[in-house]
Amino acid sequence: QVQLVESGGGLVQPGGSLRLSCAASGSISSIYTMYWYRQGPEKQRELAASITRAGTTNYADSLKGRFTISRDNAKNTVYLQMNSLKPEDTAVYYCNADVTSALYTGNCWGQGTQVTVSS
């Protein structure tokens, strides 16, 4: 079984920065594309960013230039560096990954980490 555990969320003032981490654990054979999604209050969950195993990245248009996704394949970890945060970035941020393990091939979700941008 594969687990994804996010960390790094919290309360930050507008203009501030946060770095989210998501570590995958379990009987992992391979992790392919990794994603960060977010869901704001009374909003649908949306894709924030993705990164392939080779490092190709993709971002939601509204986040380009402020957010950076990266990963450490040796640590099975994906990161999201968030700069110049705005109140509208307030959301629960979820890690997601396409994985293969001894017993499972498919998509996995983390439990989410809350990010609140407020003065």
Protein backbone atom coordinates (compact mmCIF):
# COMPACT_ATOMS: atom_id res chain seq x y z
CA GLN A 1 0.00 0.00 0.00
CA VAL A 2 1.25 3.48 -0.86
CA GLN A 3 0.72 6.48 1.39
CA LEU A 4 1.22 10.15 0.60
CA VAL A 5 1.74 12.50 3.52
CA GLU A 6 1.76 16.27 3.05
CA SER A 7 3.38 18.79 5.38
CA GLY A 8 4.32 22.44 5.46
CA GLY A 9 0.96 24.13 5.44
CA GLY A 10 -0.02 26.90 7.80
CA LEU A 11 -0.97 30.53 8.18
CA VAL A 12 0.99 33.11 6.22
CA GLN A 13 0.55 36.79 5.50
CA PRO A 14 -0.13 38.04 1.98
CA GLY A 15 3.13 38.29 0.06
CA GLY A 16 4.70 35.56 2.13
CA SER A 17 6.02 32.14 1.17
CA LEU A 18 5.47 28.54 2.13
CA ARG A 19 7.01 25.29 1.02
CA LEU A 20 4.86 22.19 0.97
CA SER A 21 6.28 18.70 0.99
CA CYS A 22 4.69 15.37 0.17
CA ALA A 23 6.46 12.14 0.95
CA ALA A 24 5.38 8.81 -0.49
CA SER A 25 5.93 5.63 1.48
CA GLY A 26 5.08 1.97 1.22
CA SER A 27 6.02 -0.82 -1.12
CA ILE A 28 6.70 1.50 -4.00
CA SER A 29 8.01 0.24 -7.28
CA SER A 30 7.78 3.44 -9.26
CA ILE A 31 6.28 6.91 -8.96
CA TYR A 32 5.45 8.56 -12.23
CA THR A 33 3.83 11.96 -12.48
CA MET A 34 3.25 13.78 -9.18
CA TYR A 35 0.70 16.51 -8.72
CA TRP A 36 -0.42 19.23 -6.37
CA TYR A 37 -4.12 20.00 -6.33
CA ARG A 38 -5.91 22.57 -4.24
CA GLN A 39 -9.45 23.18 -3.11
CA GLY A 40 -10.45 26.58 -1.80
CA PRO A 41 -13.50 27.32 0.32
CA GLU A 42 -16.65 26.52 -1.64
CA LYS A 43 -14.59 25.83 -4.76
CA GLN A 44 -13.93 22.76 -6.83
CA ARG A 45 -10.63 20.98 -6.52
CA GLU A 46 -8.22 22.19 -9.18
CA LEU A 47 -4.85 21.12 -10.48
CA ALA A 48 -2.14 23.50 -9.34
CA ALA A 49 0.97 21.88 -10.76
CA SER A 50 2.43 18.61 -11.96
CA ILE A 51 5.88 17.16 -12.53
CA THR A 52 6.89 14.06 -14.41
CA ARG A 53 9.55 11.67 -13.23
CA ALA A 54 11.93 13.29 -15.71
CA GLY A 55 11.19 16.72 -14.29
CA THR A 56 8.85 18.21 -16.86
CA THR A 57 6.56 20.65 -15.09
CA ASN A 58 3.16 22.13 -15.77
CA TYR A 59 1.28 24.85 -13.90
CA ALA A 60 -2.14 26.37 -13.72
CA ASP A 61 -1.99 29.67 -15.57
CA SER A 62 -2.83 31.66 -12.45
CA LEU A 63 0.17 30.20 -10.59
CA LYS A 64 2.91 30.56 -13.17
CA GLY A 65 5.77 32.65 -11.87
CA ARG A 66 4.75 32.30 -8.21
CA PHE A 67 4.69 28.56 -7.56
CA THR A 68 7.43 26.05 -8.30
CA ILE A 69 7.01 22.29 -8.20
CA SER A 70 10.02 20.04 -7.77
CA ARG A 71 10.74 16.48 -6.70
CA ASP A 72 13.43 14.30 -5.24
CA ASN A 73 13.07 10.86 -6.77
CA ALA A 74 15.52 9.31 -4.33
CA LYS A 75 13.30 10.43 -1.44
CA ASN A 76 9.96 9.82 -3.21
CA THR A 77 9.07 13.38 -2.33
CA VAL A 78 7.47 16.25 -4.20
CA TYR A 79 7.61 19.89 -3.16
CA LEU A 80 5.62 23.01 -3.90
CA GLN A 81 7.36 26.32 -3.27
CA MET A 82 4.74 29.03 -3.05
CA ASN A 83 5.84 32.66 -3.20
CA SER A 84 3.98 35.97 -3.27
CA LEU A 85 1.00 34.31 -1.71
CA LYS A 86 -2.41 35.91 -2.04
CA PRO A 87 -5.59 35.45 0.00
CA GLU A 88 -7.11 33.61 -2.95
CA ASP A 89 -4.41 30.94 -2.57
CA THR A 90 -6.11 29.89 0.66
CA ALA A 91 -7.05 26.25 0.18
CA VAL A 92 -6.42 22.70 1.23
CA TYR A 93 -3.50 21.48 -0.85
CA TYR A 94 -3.48 17.83 -1.82
CA CYS A 95 -0.65 15.71 -3.12
CA ASN A 96 -1.41 13.15 -5.80
CA ALA A 97 0.72 10.64 -7.65
CA ASP A 98 0.62 7.92 -10.26
CA VAL A 99 2.29 4.96 -8.61
CA THR A 100 3.11 1.32 -9.01
CA SER A 101 3.59 -0.88 -5.99
CA ALA A 102 3.66 -4.59 -5.28
CA LEU A 103 -0.12 -4.64 -4.90
CA TYR A 104 -1.40 -1.57 -6.65
CA THR A 105 -1.04 0.42 -9.83
CA GLY A 106 -2.94 3.64 -10.05
CA ASN A 107 -3.47 7.02 -8.50
CA CYS A 108 -3.04 7.96 -4.85
CA TRP A 109 -4.09 10.98 -2.79
CA GLY A 110 -2.69 12.48 0.35
CA GLN A 111 -4.88 13.72 3.19
CA GLY A 112 -4.27 17.40 2.42
CA THR A 113 -2.64 20.29 4.21
CA GLN A 114 -4.32 23.61 4.94
CA VAL A 115 -2.79 26.83 3.64
CA THR A 116 -4.33 30.06 4.86
CA VAL A 117 -3.19 33.41 3.51
CA SER A 118 -4.45 36.22 5.70
CA SER A 119 -3.28 39.31 7.50
